C-alpha atoms as a PDB file:
ATOM      1  CA  MET A   1      28.195  57.278 -51.740  1.00  0.00           C
ATOM      2  CA  LYS A   2      25.387  56.155 -54.044  1.00  0.00           C
ATOM      3  CA  ALA A   3      23.268  57.972 -56.606  1.00  0.00           C
ATOM      4  CA  MET A   4      19.920  57.567 -58.286  1.00  0.00           C
ATOM      5  CA  VAL A   5      19.088  58.874 -61.754  1.00  0.00           C
ATOM      6  CA  MET A   6      15.367  59.319 -62.429  1.00  0.00           C
ATOM      7  CA  ALA A   7      14.953  57.749 -65.878  1.00  0.00           C
ATOM      8  CA  ALA A   8      11.374  56.442 -65.941  1.00  0.00           C
ATOM      9  CA  GLY A   9       9.475  59.413 -67.381  1.00  0.00           C
ATOM     10  CA  VAL A  10       7.724  59.409 -70.738  1.00  0.00           C
ATOM     11  CA  GLY A  11       9.009  62.844 -71.764  1.00  0.00           C
ATOM     12  CA  SER A  12       5.779  64.009 -73.393  1.00  0.00           C
ATOM     13  CA  ARG A  13       7.026  67.606 -73.675  1.00  0.00           C
ATOM     14  CA  LEU A  14       9.629  66.336 -76.146  1.00  0.00           C
ATOM     15  CA  ASP A  15       7.082  64.727 -78.462  1.00  0.00           C
ATOM     16  CA  PRO A  16       7.515  63.602 -81.186  1.00  0.00           C
ATOM     17  CA  LEU A  17      11.210  62.968 -80.451  1.00  0.00           C
ATOM     18  CA  THR A  18      10.451  60.687 -77.516  1.00  0.00           C
ATOM     19  CA  THR A  19       8.397  58.348 -79.681  1.00  0.00           C
ATOM     20  CA  GLN A  20      11.819  57.030 -80.750  1.00  0.00           C
ATOM     21  CA  LEU A  21      13.810  57.294 -77.531  1.00  0.00           C
ATOM     22  CA  PRO A  22      13.253  57.590 -73.785  1.00  0.00           C
ATOM     23  CA  LYS A  23      14.109  61.100 -72.643  1.00  0.00           C
ATOM     24  CA  PRO A  24      17.412  60.163 -70.906  1.00  0.00           C
ATOM     25  CA  LEU A  25      18.739  58.922 -74.268  1.00  0.00           C
ATOM     26  CA  VAL A  26      18.088  62.089 -76.271  1.00  0.00           C
ATOM     27  CA  PRO A  27      21.502  63.240 -77.483  1.00  0.00           C
ATOM     28  CA  VAL A  28      23.168  66.481 -76.437  1.00  0.00           C
ATOM     29  CA  GLY A  29      26.287  66.993 -78.510  1.00  0.00           C
ATOM     30  CA  ASN A  30      25.742  63.500 -79.994  1.00  0.00           C
ATOM     31  CA  VAL A  31      25.931  61.939 -76.490  1.00  0.00           C
ATOM     32  CA  PRO A  32      22.838  60.842 -74.506  1.00  0.00           C
ATOM     33  CA  VAL A  33      21.982  63.315 -71.758  1.00  0.00           C
ATOM     34  CA  MET A  34      22.039  60.542 -69.132  1.00  0.00           C
ATOM     35  CA  GLU A  35      25.588  59.649 -70.185  1.00  0.00           C
ATOM     36  CA  HIS A  36      26.592  63.217 -69.346  1.00  0.00           C
ATOM     37  CA  ILE A  37      24.988  62.724 -65.902  1.00  0.00           C
ATOM     38  CA  ILE A  38      26.869  59.462 -65.308  1.00  0.00           C
ATOM     39  CA  ASN A  39      30.125  61.130 -66.386  1.00  0.00           C
ATOM     40  CA  LEU A  40      29.500  63.970 -63.923  1.00  0.00           C
ATOM     41  CA  LEU A  41      28.785  61.551 -61.082  1.00  0.00           C
ATOM     42  CA  SER A  42      31.923  59.572 -61.909  1.00  0.00           C
ATOM     43  CA  ASP A  43      33.994  62.761 -61.967  1.00  0.00           C
ATOM     44  CA  HIS A  44      32.965  63.267 -58.333  1.00  0.00           C
ATOM     45  CA  GLY A  45      33.762  59.703 -57.326  1.00  0.00           C
ATOM     46  CA  ILE A  46      30.161  58.454 -57.354  1.00  0.00           C
ATOM     47  CA  THR A  47      30.017  55.268 -59.372  1.00  0.00           C
ATOM     48  CA  GLU A  48      27.349  53.152 -57.646  1.00  0.00           C
ATOM     49  CA  ILE A  49      24.209  54.261 -59.447  1.00  0.00           C
ATOM     50  CA  ILE A  50      20.648  53.024 -59.693  1.00  0.00           C
ATOM     51  CA  ALA A  51      18.149  54.211 -62.301  1.00  0.00           C
ATOM     52  CA  ASN A  52      14.438  53.524 -62.515  1.00  0.00           C
ATOM     53  CA  LEU A  53      12.807  52.388 -65.747  1.00  0.00           C
ATOM     54  CA  HIS A  54       9.329  52.549 -67.222  1.00  0.00           C
ATOM     55  CA  TYR A  55       9.131  53.958 -70.763  1.00  0.00           C
ATOM     56  CA  LEU A  56      11.098  52.073 -73.451  1.00  0.00           C
ATOM     57  CA  PRO A  57      13.233  50.364 -70.795  1.00  0.00           C
ATOM     58  CA  GLU A  58      14.939  48.023 -73.236  1.00  0.00           C
ATOM     59  CA  LYS A  59      16.568  50.960 -75.023  1.00  0.00           C
ATOM     60  CA  LEU A  60      18.129  52.314 -71.834  1.00  0.00           C
ATOM     61  CA  ILE A  61      19.378  48.900 -70.752  1.00  0.00           C
ATOM     62  CA  GLY A  62      20.617  48.196 -74.275  1.00  0.00           C
ATOM     63  CA  TYR A  63      22.701  51.377 -74.324  1.00  0.00           C
ATOM     64  CA  PHE A  64      24.071  51.517 -70.780  1.00  0.00           C
ATOM     65  CA  GLY A  65      24.069  47.859 -69.733  1.00  0.00           C
ATOM     66  CA  ASP A  66      25.704  47.434 -66.345  1.00  0.00           C
ATOM     67  CA  GLY A  67      27.485  50.788 -66.688  1.00  0.00           C
ATOM     68  CA  SER A  68      30.967  49.261 -66.856  1.00  0.00           C
ATOM     69  CA  LYS A  69      31.877  50.901 -70.174  1.00  0.00           C
ATOM     70  CA  PHE A  70      31.132  54.267 -68.540  1.00  0.00           C
ATOM     71  CA  GLY A  71      33.226  53.590 -65.443  1.00  0.00           C
ATOM     72  CA  ALA A  72      30.178  52.992 -63.251  1.00  0.00           C
ATOM     73  CA  LYS A  73      28.270  50.153 -61.618  1.00  0.00           C
ATOM     74  CA  LEU A  74      24.698  50.607 -62.806  1.00  0.00           C
ATOM     75  CA  THR A  75      21.652  48.883 -61.313  1.00  0.00           C
ATOM     76  CA  TRP A  76      18.167  49.079 -62.824  1.00  0.00           C
ATOM     77  CA  HIS A  77      14.722  49.040 -61.217  1.00  0.00           C
ATOM     78  CA  GLN A  78      11.696  48.759 -63.482  1.00  0.00           C
ATOM     79  CA  GLU A  79       8.424  50.394 -62.443  1.00  0.00           C
ATOM     80  CA  GLN A  80       5.281  48.834 -63.877  1.00  0.00           C
ATOM     81  CA  GLU A  81       3.313  51.942 -62.883  1.00  0.00           C
ATOM     82  CA  LEU A  82       4.775  55.373 -62.243  1.00  0.00           C
ATOM     83  CA  SER A  83       4.487  56.485 -58.627  1.00  0.00           C
ATOM     84  CA  GLY A  84       5.928  60.008 -58.665  1.00  0.00           C
ATOM     85  CA  ASP A  85       9.587  60.920 -58.349  1.00  0.00           C
ATOM     86  CA  ALA A  86       9.746  60.375 -54.581  1.00  0.00           C
ATOM     87  CA  GLY A  87       7.790  57.172 -55.114  1.00  0.00           C
ATOM     88  CA  GLY A  88      10.418  56.058 -57.604  1.00  0.00           C
ATOM     89  CA  VAL A  89      13.145  56.652 -55.024  1.00  0.00           C
ATOM     90  CA  ARG A  90      11.068  54.773 -52.431  1.00  0.00           C
ATOM     91  CA  ALA A  91      11.076  51.743 -54.740  1.00  0.00           C
ATOM     92  CA  CYS A  92      14.893  51.776 -54.632  1.00  0.00           C
ATOM     93  CA  ARG A  93      15.119  52.098 -50.843  1.00  0.00           C
ATOM     94  CA  SER A  94      17.026  48.849 -50.343  1.00  0.00           C
ATOM     95  CA  PHE A  95      19.810  50.133 -52.622  1.00  0.00           C
ATOM     96  CA  LEU A  96      19.961  53.655 -51.181  1.00  0.00           C
ATOM     97  CA  GLN A  97      19.246  53.384 -47.469  1.00  0.00           C
ATOM     98  CA  ASP A  98      22.758  52.672 -46.176  1.00  0.00           C
ATOM     99  CA  GLY A  99      23.916  56.304 -46.172  1.00  0.00           C
ATOM    100  CA  THR A 100      23.699  59.778 -47.674  1.00  0.00           C
ATOM    101  CA  PHE A 101      22.730  59.600 -51.360  1.00  0.00           C
ATOM    102  CA  ILE A 102      22.183  61.934 -54.284  1.00  0.00           C
ATOM    103  CA  VAL A 103      19.278  62.015 -56.743  1.00  0.00           C
ATOM    104  CA  LEU A 104      19.364  63.634 -60.190  1.00  0.00           C
ATOM    105  CA  MET A 105      16.587  63.960 -62.739  1.00  0.00           C
ATOM    106  CA  GLY A 106      17.454  62.118 -65.954  1.00  0.00           C
ATOM    107  CA  ASP A 107      16.915  65.108 -68.270  1.00  0.00           C
ATOM    108  CA  LEU A 108      19.383  67.515 -66.678  1.00  0.00           C
ATOM    109  CA  LEU A 109      22.417  69.014 -68.341  1.00  0.00           C
ATOM    110  CA  THR A 110      24.862  70.496 -65.861  1.00  0.00           C
ATOM    111  CA  ASP A 111      28.515  70.719 -64.930  1.00  0.00           C
ATOM    112  CA  THR A 112      27.863  71.817 -61.356  1.00  0.00           C
ATOM    113  CA  ASN A 113      30.187  70.774 -58.557  1.00  0.00           C
ATOM    114  CA  LEU A 114      28.324  67.905 -56.912  1.00  0.00           C
ATOM    115  CA  SER A 115      31.033  67.552 -54.262  1.00  0.00           C
ATOM    116  CA  ASP A 116      30.379  71.107 -53.044  1.00  0.00           C
ATOM    117  CA  ILE A 117      26.641  70.433 -52.757  1.00  0.00           C
ATOM    118  CA  ILE A 118      27.268  67.236 -50.797  1.00  0.00           C
ATOM    119  CA  GLN A 119      29.769  68.959 -48.494  1.00  0.00           C
ATOM    120  CA  ALA A 120      27.346  71.804 -47.732  1.00  0.00           C
ATOM    121  CA  HIS A 121      24.640  69.238 -46.981  1.00  0.00           C
ATOM    122  CA  LYS A 122      26.902  67.531 -44.457  1.00  0.00           C
ATOM    123  CA  ASP A 123      28.315  70.735 -42.956  1.00  0.00           C
ATOM    124  CA  LYS A 124      24.835  72.076 -42.224  1.00  0.00           C
ATOM    125  CA  LYS A 125      23.538  68.697 -41.062  1.00  0.00           C
ATOM    126  CA  ALA A 126      20.594  68.838 -43.449  1.00  0.00           C
ATOM    127  CA  LEU A 127      18.079  66.029 -43.817  1.00  0.00           C
ATOM    128  CA  ALA A 128      17.583  67.050 -47.440  1.00  0.00           C
ATOM    129  CA  THR A 129      19.381  69.503 -49.689  1.00  0.00           C
ATOM    130  CA  ILE A 130      17.940  70.914 -52.903  1.00  0.00           C
ATOM    131  CA  ALA A 131      20.338  72.455 -55.406  1.00  0.00           C
ATOM    132  CA  ILE A 132      18.719  75.708 -56.546  1.00  0.00           C
ATOM    133  CA  LYS A 133      19.512  78.229 -59.261  1.00  0.00           C
ATOM    134  CA  ARG A 134      18.285  81.711 -60.156  1.00  0.00           C
ATOM    135  CA  VAL A 135      16.103  81.717 -63.280  1.00  0.00           C
ATOM    136  CA  SER A 136      14.624  84.456 -65.432  1.00  0.00           C
ATOM    137  CA  ASP A 137      11.262  82.746 -66.035  1.00  0.00           C
ATOM    138  CA  VAL A 138       9.861  81.421 -62.761  1.00  0.00           C
ATOM    139  CA  SER A 139       6.613  80.314 -64.415  1.00  0.00           C
ATOM    140  CA  GLN A 140       8.370  77.193 -65.719  1.00  0.00           C
ATOM    141  CA  PHE A 141       9.734  75.996 -62.373  1.00  0.00           C
ATOM    142  CA  GLY A 142       9.017  75.279 -58.752  1.00  0.00           C
ATOM    143  CA  VAL A 143      10.726  78.011 -56.734  1.00  0.00           C
ATOM    144  CA  VAL A 144      11.834  78.056 -53.095  1.00  0.00           C
ATOM    145  CA  LEU A 145      12.042  80.584 -50.283  1.00  0.00           C
ATOM    146  CA  THR A 146      15.061  80.490 -47.988  1.00  0.00           C
ATOM    147  CA  ASN A 147      16.131  82.106 -44.721  1.00  0.00           C
ATOM    148  CA  LYS A 148      19.443  83.849 -44.068  1.00  0.00           C
ATOM    149  CA  ASP A 149      21.117  80.519 -43.293  1.00  0.00           C
ATOM    150  CA  GLY A 150      20.033  78.981 -46.598  1.00  0.00           C
ATOM    151  CA  PHE A 151      17.375  76.675 -45.178  1.00  0.00           C
ATOM    152  CA  ILE A 152      14.123  76.453 -47.101  1.00  0.00           C
ATOM    153  CA  THR A 153      11.038  78.009 -45.539  1.00  0.00           C
ATOM    154  CA  GLY A 154       8.483  77.661 -48.345  1.00  0.00           C
ATOM    155  CA  PHE A 155       7.681  76.760 -51.928  1.00  0.00           C
ATOM    156  CA  GLN A 156       5.798  78.120 -54.942  1.00  0.00           C
ATOM    157  CA  GLU A 157       4.956  75.862 -57.880  1.00  0.00           C
ATOM    158  CA  LYS A 158       5.387  77.627 -61.247  1.00  0.00           C
ATOM    159  CA  PRO A 159       4.161  81.017 -59.985  1.00  0.00           C
ATOM    160  CA  ASP A 160       3.038  83.850 -62.200  1.00  0.00           C
ATOM    161  CA  PRO A 161       6.013  86.245 -62.382  1.00  0.00           C
ATOM    162  CA  SER A 162       3.937  89.014 -60.814  1.00  0.00           C
ATOM    163  CA  GLU A 163       3.236  86.792 -57.794  1.00  0.00           C
ATOM    164  CA  ALA A 164       6.623  85.113 -57.434  1.00  0.00           C
ATOM    165  CA  LEU A 165       8.274  85.475 -54.049  1.00  0.00           C
ATOM    166  CA  SER A 166      11.593  84.089 -55.279  1.00  0.00           C
ATOM    167  CA  ASP A 167      13.576  83.451 -58.449  1.00  0.00           C
ATOM    168  CA  LEU A 168      15.385  80.428 -56.999  1.00  0.00           C
ATOM    169  CA  ALA A 169      14.304  77.304 -58.878  1.00  0.00           C
ATOM    170  CA  SER A 170      14.756  73.692 -57.884  1.00  0.00           C
ATOM    171  CA  THR A 171      17.215  72.056 -60.281  1.00  0.00           C
ATOM    172  CA  GLY A 172      16.193  68.447 -59.718  1.00  0.00           C
ATOM    173  CA  ILE A 173      19.416  67.666 -57.843  1.00  0.00           C
ATOM    174  CA  TYR A 174      18.839  66.440 -54.288  1.00  0.00           C
ATOM    175  CA  VAL A 175      21.123  65.176 -51.536  1.00  0.00           C
ATOM    176  CA  LEU A 176      19.201  63.095 -49.023  1.00  0.00           C
ATOM    177  CA  GLU A 177      19.655  61.233 -45.783  1.00  0.00           C
ATOM    178  CA  PRO A 178      18.026  57.788 -45.612  1.00  0.00           C
ATOM    179  CA  GLU A 179      15.756  59.078 -42.831  1.00  0.00           C
ATOM    180  CA  VAL A 180      13.645  60.756 -45.534  1.00  0.00           C
ATOM    181  CA  PHE A 181      12.129  57.349 -46.225  1.00  0.00           C
ATOM    182  CA  ASN A 182      10.291  57.709 -42.910  1.00  0.00           C
ATOM    183  CA  TYR A 183       8.295  60.567 -44.439  1.00  0.00           C
ATOM    184  CA  ILE A 184       7.368  58.839 -47.707  1.00  0.00           C
ATOM    185  CA  PRO A 185       4.170  56.726 -47.599  1.00  0.00           C
ATOM    186  CA  LYS A 186       4.675  53.019 -48.193  1.00  0.00           C
ATOM    187  CA  ASP A 187       2.613  53.097 -51.389  1.00  0.00           C
ATOM    188  CA  GLY A 188       0.818  55.441 -53.771  1.00  0.00           C
ATOM    189  CA  ILE A 189       1.973  58.359 -55.901  1.00  0.00           C
ATOM    190  CA  PHE A 190       4.281  60.717 -54.038  1.00  0.00           C
ATOM    191  CA  GLY A 191       6.394  63.596 -55.335  1.00  0.00           C
ATOM    192  CA  PHE A 192       9.355  65.587 -54.066  1.00  0.00           C
ATOM    193  CA  GLY A 193       8.288  69.093 -54.984  1.00  0.00           C
ATOM    194  CA  LYS A 194       4.612  69.068 -54.052  1.00  0.00           C
ATOM    195  CA  GLN A 195       4.622  66.577 -51.188  1.00  0.00           C
ATOM    196  CA  LEU A 196       7.852  65.373 -49.572  1.00  0.00           C
ATOM    197  CA  PHE A 197       9.805  68.628 -49.320  1.00  0.00           C
ATOM    198  CA  PRO A 198       6.843  70.766 -48.170  1.00  0.00           C
ATOM    199  CA  LEU A 199       6.091  68.084 -45.561  1.00  0.00           C
ATOM    200  CA  LEU A 200       9.664  68.153 -44.243  1.00  0.00           C
ATOM    201  CA  VAL A 201       9.611  71.962 -44.023  1.00  0.00           C
ATOM    202  CA  LYS A 202       6.229  71.909 -42.292  1.00  0.00           C
ATOM    203  CA  GLU A 203       7.658  69.479 -39.745  1.00  0.00           C
ATOM    204  CA  GLY A 204      10.487  71.938 -39.054  1.00  0.00           C
ATOM    205  CA  LEU A 205      13.157  69.610 -40.407  1.00  0.00           C
ATOM    206  CA  PRO A 206      16.378  70.976 -41.974  1.00  0.00           C
ATOM    207  CA  VAL A 207      15.908  71.263 -45.749  1.00  0.00           C
ATOM    208  CA  LEU A 208      18.796  73.204 -47.229  1.00  0.00           C
ATOM    209  CA  GLY A 209      18.717  75.221 -50.421  1.00  0.00           C
ATOM    210  CA  TYR A 210      22.170  75.275 -51.992  1.00  0.00           C
ATOM    211  CA  GLU A 211      22.496  77.870 -54.752  1.00  0.00           C
ATOM    212  CA  ILE A 212      24.564  76.817 -57.742  1.00  0.00           C
ATOM    213  CA  THR A 213      26.047  79.249 -60.233  1.00  0.00           C
ATOM    214  CA  ASP A 214      27.369  76.678 -62.725  1.00  0.00           C
ATOM    215  CA  TYR A 215      25.646  75.728 -65.968  1.00  0.00           C
ATOM    216  CA  TRP A 216      22.291  73.998 -65.590  1.00  0.00           C
ATOM    217  CA  SER A 217      19.538  73.273 -68.092  1.00  0.00           C
ATOM    218  CA  ASP A 218      16.401  71.148 -68.220  1.00  0.00           C
ATOM    219  CA  VAL A 219      16.226  69.613 -71.706  1.00  0.00           C
ATOM    220  CA  GLY A 220      12.554  68.710 -71.311  1.00  0.00           C
ATOM    221  CA  THR A 221      11.116  70.923 -74.084  1.00  0.00           C
ATOM    222  CA  ILE A 222      11.954  71.082 -77.779  1.00  0.00           C
ATOM    223  CA  LYS A 223      13.118  74.700 -77.531  1.00  0.00           C
ATOM    224  CA  GLN A 224      15.286  74.137 -74.471  1.00  0.00           C
ATOM    225  CA  TYR A 225      16.609  70.929 -75.969  1.00  0.00           C
ATOM    226  CA  ARG A 226      17.883  72.871 -79.004  1.00  0.00           C
ATOM    227  CA  VAL A 227      19.329  75.621 -76.819  1.00  0.00           C
ATOM    228  CA  SER A 228      21.125  73.092 -74.607  1.00  0.00           C
ATOM    229  CA  ASN A 229      22.732  71.440 -77.627  1.00  0.00           C
ATOM    230  CA  PHE A 230      23.900  74.766 -78.984  1.00  0.00           C
ATOM    231  CA  GLU A 231      25.292  75.892 -75.631  1.00  0.00           C
ATOM    232  CA  ALA A 232      27.177  72.595 -75.370  1.00  0.00           C
ATOM    233  CA  LEU A 233      28.637  73.172 -78.835  1.00  0.00           C
ATOM    234  CA  GLU A 234      29.607  76.718 -77.845  1.00  0.00           C
ATOM    235  CA  GLY A 235      31.441  75.428 -74.769  1.00  0.00           C
ATOM    236  CA  LYS A 236      29.137  77.045 -72.225  1.00  0.00           C
ATOM    237  CA  VAL A 237      28.930  73.778 -70.301  1.00  0.00           C
ATOM    238  CA  LYS A 238      31.885  71.491 -69.599  1.00  0.00           C
ATOM    239  CA  LEU A 239      31.070  68.106 -71.160  1.00  0.00           C
ATOM    240  CA  LYS A 240      32.861  65.182 -72.742  1.00  0.00           C
ATOM    241  CA  LEU A 241      31.851  65.715 -76.364  1.00  0.00           C
ATOM    242  CA  ALA A 242      32.234  63.324 -79.277  1.00  0.00           C
ATOM    243  CA  GLY A 243      34.757  63.957 -82.048  1.00  0.00           C
ATOM    244  CA  ASN A 244      37.962  65.915 -82.465  1.00  0.00           C
ATOM    245  CA  HIS A 245      37.925  69.649 -81.892  1.00  0.00           C
ATOM    246  CA  ASN A 246      38.811  71.842 -84.865  1.00  0.00           C
ATOM    247  CA  ASP A 247      38.324  75.402 -86.128  1.00  0.00           C
ATOM    248  CA  PHE A 248      34.551  75.129 -86.586  1.00  0.00           C
ATOM    249  CA  GLY A 249      33.656  72.697 -83.809  1.00  0.00           C
ATOM    250  CA  TYR A 250      33.929  68.909 -83.621  1.00  0.00           C
ATOM    251  CA  ILE A 251      34.393  66.289 -86.313  1.00  0.00           C
ATOM    252  CA  GLY A 252      34.055  62.514 -86.017  1.00  0.00           C
ATOM    253  CA  LYS A 253      35.799  59.663 -87.799  1.00  0.00           C
ATOM    254  CA  ASN A 254      35.434  58.823 -91.512  1.00  0.00           C
ATOM    255  CA  THR A 255      33.657  62.072 -92.339  1.00  0.00           C
ATOM    256  CA  TYR A 256      33.550  63.990 -95.605  1.00  0.00           C
ATOM    257  CA  ILE A 257      33.037  67.732 -96.117  1.00  0.00           C
ATOM    258  CA  ASP A 258      33.029  68.873 -99.730  1.00  0.00           C
ATOM    259  CA  GLU A 259      35.431  71.716-100.468  1.00  0.00           C
ATOM    260  CA  ASN A 260      32.531  73.770-101.843  1.00  0.00           C
ATOM    261  CA  ALA A 261      30.510  73.568 -98.627  1.00  0.00           C
ATOM    262  CA  LYS A 262      30.313  76.853 -96.715  1.00  0.00           C
ATOM    263  CA  ILE A 263      30.608  76.645 -92.926  1.00  0.00           C
ATOM    264  CA  THR A 264      30.177  79.977 -91.175  1.00  0.00           C
ATOM    265  CA  GLY A 265      28.845  78.701 -87.852  1.00  0.00           C
ATOM    266  CA  ASN A 266      29.681  76.074 -85.260  1.00  0.00           C
ATOM    267  CA  LEU A 267      29.424  72.488 -86.480  1.00  0.00           C
ATOM    268  CA  MET A 268      29.540  69.072 -84.868  1.00  0.00           C
ATOM    269  CA  LEU A 269      29.705  66.294 -87.446  1.00  0.00           C
ATOM    270  CA  GLY A 270      29.298  62.683 -86.338  1.00  0.00           C
ATOM    271  CA  ASN A 271      31.149  59.589 -87.474  1.00  0.00           C
ATOM    272  CA  ASN A 272      30.692  58.411 -91.085  1.00  0.00           C
ATOM    273  CA  SER A 273      28.678  61.497 -92.053  1.00  0.00           C
ATOM    274  CA  ARG A 274      28.912  63.513 -95.270  1.00  0.00           C
ATOM    275  CA  ILE A 275      28.349  67.144 -96.225  1.00  0.00           C
ATOM    276  CA  GLU A 276      28.000  67.528 -99.986  1.00  0.00           C
ATOM    277  CA  SER A 277      28.824  70.385-102.383  1.00  0.00           C
ATOM    278  CA  GLY A 278      27.162  73.765-101.849  1.00  0.00           C
ATOM    279  CA  VAL A 279      25.837  73.017 -98.363  1.00  0.00           C
ATOM    280  CA  LYS A 280      25.568  76.063 -96.092  1.00  0.00           C
ATOM    281  CA  ILE A 281      26.035  75.670 -92.333  1.00  0.00           C
ATOM    282  CA  SER A 282      25.311  78.663 -90.107  1.00  0.00           C
ATOM    283  CA  GLY A 283      24.532  79.310 -86.466  1.00  0.00           C
ATOM    284  CA  ASN A 284      24.930  76.101 -84.465  1.00  0.00           C
ATOM    285  CA  VAL A 285      24.451  72.772 -86.233  1.00  0.00           C
ATOM    286  CA  ILE A 286      24.879  69.280 -84.776  1.00  0.00           C
ATOM    287  CA  ILE A 287      24.772  66.279 -87.125  1.00  0.00           C
ATOM    288  CA  GLY A 288      24.822  62.722 -85.811  1.00  0.00           C
ATOM    289  CA  ASP A 289      26.547  59.603 -87.105  1.00  0.00           C
ATOM    290  CA  ASN A 290      25.876  58.107 -90.558  1.00  0.00           C
ATOM    291  CA  CYS A 291      24.092  61.158 -91.956  1.00  0.00           C
ATOM    292  CA  VAL A 292      24.138  62.681 -95.440  1.00  0.00           C
ATOM    293  CA  ILE A 293      23.551  66.397 -95.976  1.00  0.00           C
ATOM    294  CA  GLY A 294      22.709  66.702 -99.664  1.00  0.00           C
ATOM    295  CA  ALA A 295      24.043  69.254-102.134  1.00  0.00           C
ATOM    296  CA  ASN A 296      22.986  72.886-101.640  1.00  0.00           C
ATOM    297  CA  ALA A 297      21.113  72.169 -98.408  1.00  0.00           C
ATOM    298  CA  ASP A 298      20.983  75.049 -95.919  1.00  0.00           C
ATOM    299  CA  LEU A 299      21.117  74.256 -92.177  1.00  0.00           C
ATOM    300  CA  CYS A 300      20.916  76.896 -89.442  1.00  0.00           C
ATOM    301  CA  ASP A 301      20.574  76.290 -85.688  1.00  0.00           C
ATOM    302  CA  THR A 302      19.517  72.687 -86.243  1.00  0.00           C
ATOM    303  CA  VAL A 303      20.100  69.266 -84.687  1.00  0.00           C
ATOM    304  CA  VAL A 304      20.051  66.158 -86.900  1.00  0.00           C
ATOM    305  CA  TRP A 305      20.102  62.791 -85.149  1.00  0.00           C
ATOM    306  CA  SER A 306      21.982  59.805 -86.528  1.00  0.00           C
ATOM    307  CA  ASP A 307      21.208  57.813 -89.687  1.00  0.00           C
ATOM    308  CA  SER A 308      19.234  60.613 -91.343  1.00  0.00           C
ATOM    309  CA  ASN A 309      19.324  61.858 -94.914  1.00  0.00           C
ATOM    310  CA  ILE A 310      18.814  65.538 -95.674  1.00  0.00           C
ATOM    311  CA  GLU A 311      18.216  65.570 -99.414  1.00  0.00           C
ATOM    312  CA  PRO A 312      19.556  68.236-101.808  1.00  0.00           C
ATOM    313  CA  GLY A 313      18.211  71.775-101.543  1.00  0.00           C
ATOM    314  CA  VAL A 314      16.535  71.302 -98.153  1.00  0.00           C
ATOM    315  CA  SER A 315      16.363  74.302 -95.796  1.00  0.00           C
ATOM    316  CA  LEU A 316      16.269  73.659 -92.044  1.00  0.00           C
ATOM    317  CA  VAL A 317      16.123  76.532 -89.553  1.00  0.00           C
ATOM    318  CA  GLN A 318      15.792  75.869 -85.802  1.00  0.00           C
ATOM    319  CA  CYS A 319      14.804  72.240 -86.377  1.00  0.00           C
ATOM    320  CA  VAL A 320      15.350  68.889 -84.709  1.00  0.00           C
ATOM    321  CA  ILE A 321      15.360  65.880 -87.048  1.00  0.00           C
ATOM    322  CA  GLY A 322      15.111  62.452 -85.386  1.00  0.00           C
ATOM    323  CA  HIS A 323      16.837  59.143 -86.171  1.00  0.00           C
ATOM    324  CA  ASN A 324      16.457  57.450 -89.559  1.00  0.00           C
ATOM    325  CA  CYS A 325      14.622  60.384 -91.142  1.00  0.00           C
ATOM    326  CA  VAL A 326      14.547  61.487 -94.753  1.00  0.00           C
ATOM    327  CA  VAL A 327      13.852  65.174 -95.351  1.00  0.00           C
ATOM    328  CA  LYS A 328      12.653  65.429 -98.934  1.00  0.00           C
ATOM    329  CA  ASN A 329      14.416  67.246-101.754  1.00  0.00           C
ATOM    330  CA  GLY A 330      13.958  71.026-101.708  1.00  0.00           C
ATOM    331  CA  SER A 331      11.604  71.201 -98.709  1.00  0.00           C
ATOM    332  CA  ARG A 332      11.831  74.052 -96.214  1.00  0.00           C
ATOM    333  CA  HIS A 333      11.225  73.794 -92.471  1.00  0.00           C
ATOM    334  CA  LEU A 334      11.237  76.401 -89.686  1.00  0.00           C
ATOM    335  CA  GLU A 335      11.134  75.432 -85.984  1.00  0.00           C
ATOM    336  CA  ALA A 336      10.134  71.879 -86.825  1.00  0.00           C
ATOM    337  CA  ALA A 337      10.710  68.683 -84.867  1.00  0.00           C
ATOM    338  CA  THR A 338      10.114  65.443 -86.719  1.00  0.00           C
ATOM    339  CA  VAL A 339      10.827  61.739 -86.595  1.00  0.00           C
ATOM    340  CA  SER A 340       9.273  60.851 -89.964  1.00  0.00           C
END
């Protein structure tokens, strides 16, 4: 079986972080989110993968290459102009059309059982299956209506909670038969949620909604990106995380933590990184490789990407600091995201 990872998007909701990296490369637990997706696919025996490219393509290719170091065979397709998510799949038809295939959005964090979704799709002889999950805030998602057999009967796109007819959100995980290509126009912008799936339902074709109860998160906003990192650090999602596990979290190679640092929360410390005297770590804190946290700095519920320098006396609360940043001596930041 083959898979496609949607990796072409600009990721504007993650600005300014995505001025440095395409969204599939943003790290969750010091590992790119798309690497977690490839690991999940591989865990379920799916190693033939294609991904589409558009924004900062050289960075994705530079990191993943042909996929061999991740136990996968990775093929790339570059889109000069974006054509919608279903349009992106259409462009990869020649790779995908020889059998049932699975599509995952490139900004998902999940440990769901892909094999169970695929088996349900086959058992119920669906043309398309959408993995769905109950959510508390329907206004952020497209939601689906299902009948007693689990087949989808209708859709609502980001409804007002007072008008929502369902709390079952599409997760961006789809299992598809190659016959779906017959319902995608040969050119132009075409999407799954607003066009293809409603068309299939209107035609009376079997579109299954498969409810998942495992961990799932969309890391597409700054707030949810932070939350996803912290939940990964807390072990709420099963991932392959970097570093060795210890009493406070995870620690990489060649690290230094001064004996006068105070760690009262969960910490992930990347390779070759230093925490100096008097530093306070609370809540959930993830620090990338080659970072220095200066003396008497105070970090709470914060993510620091690699190669950054947090100078002495800095206070960071609910922040995301990008690659190669210097946060100046004694400055204080609350709910900030920066790449400068």
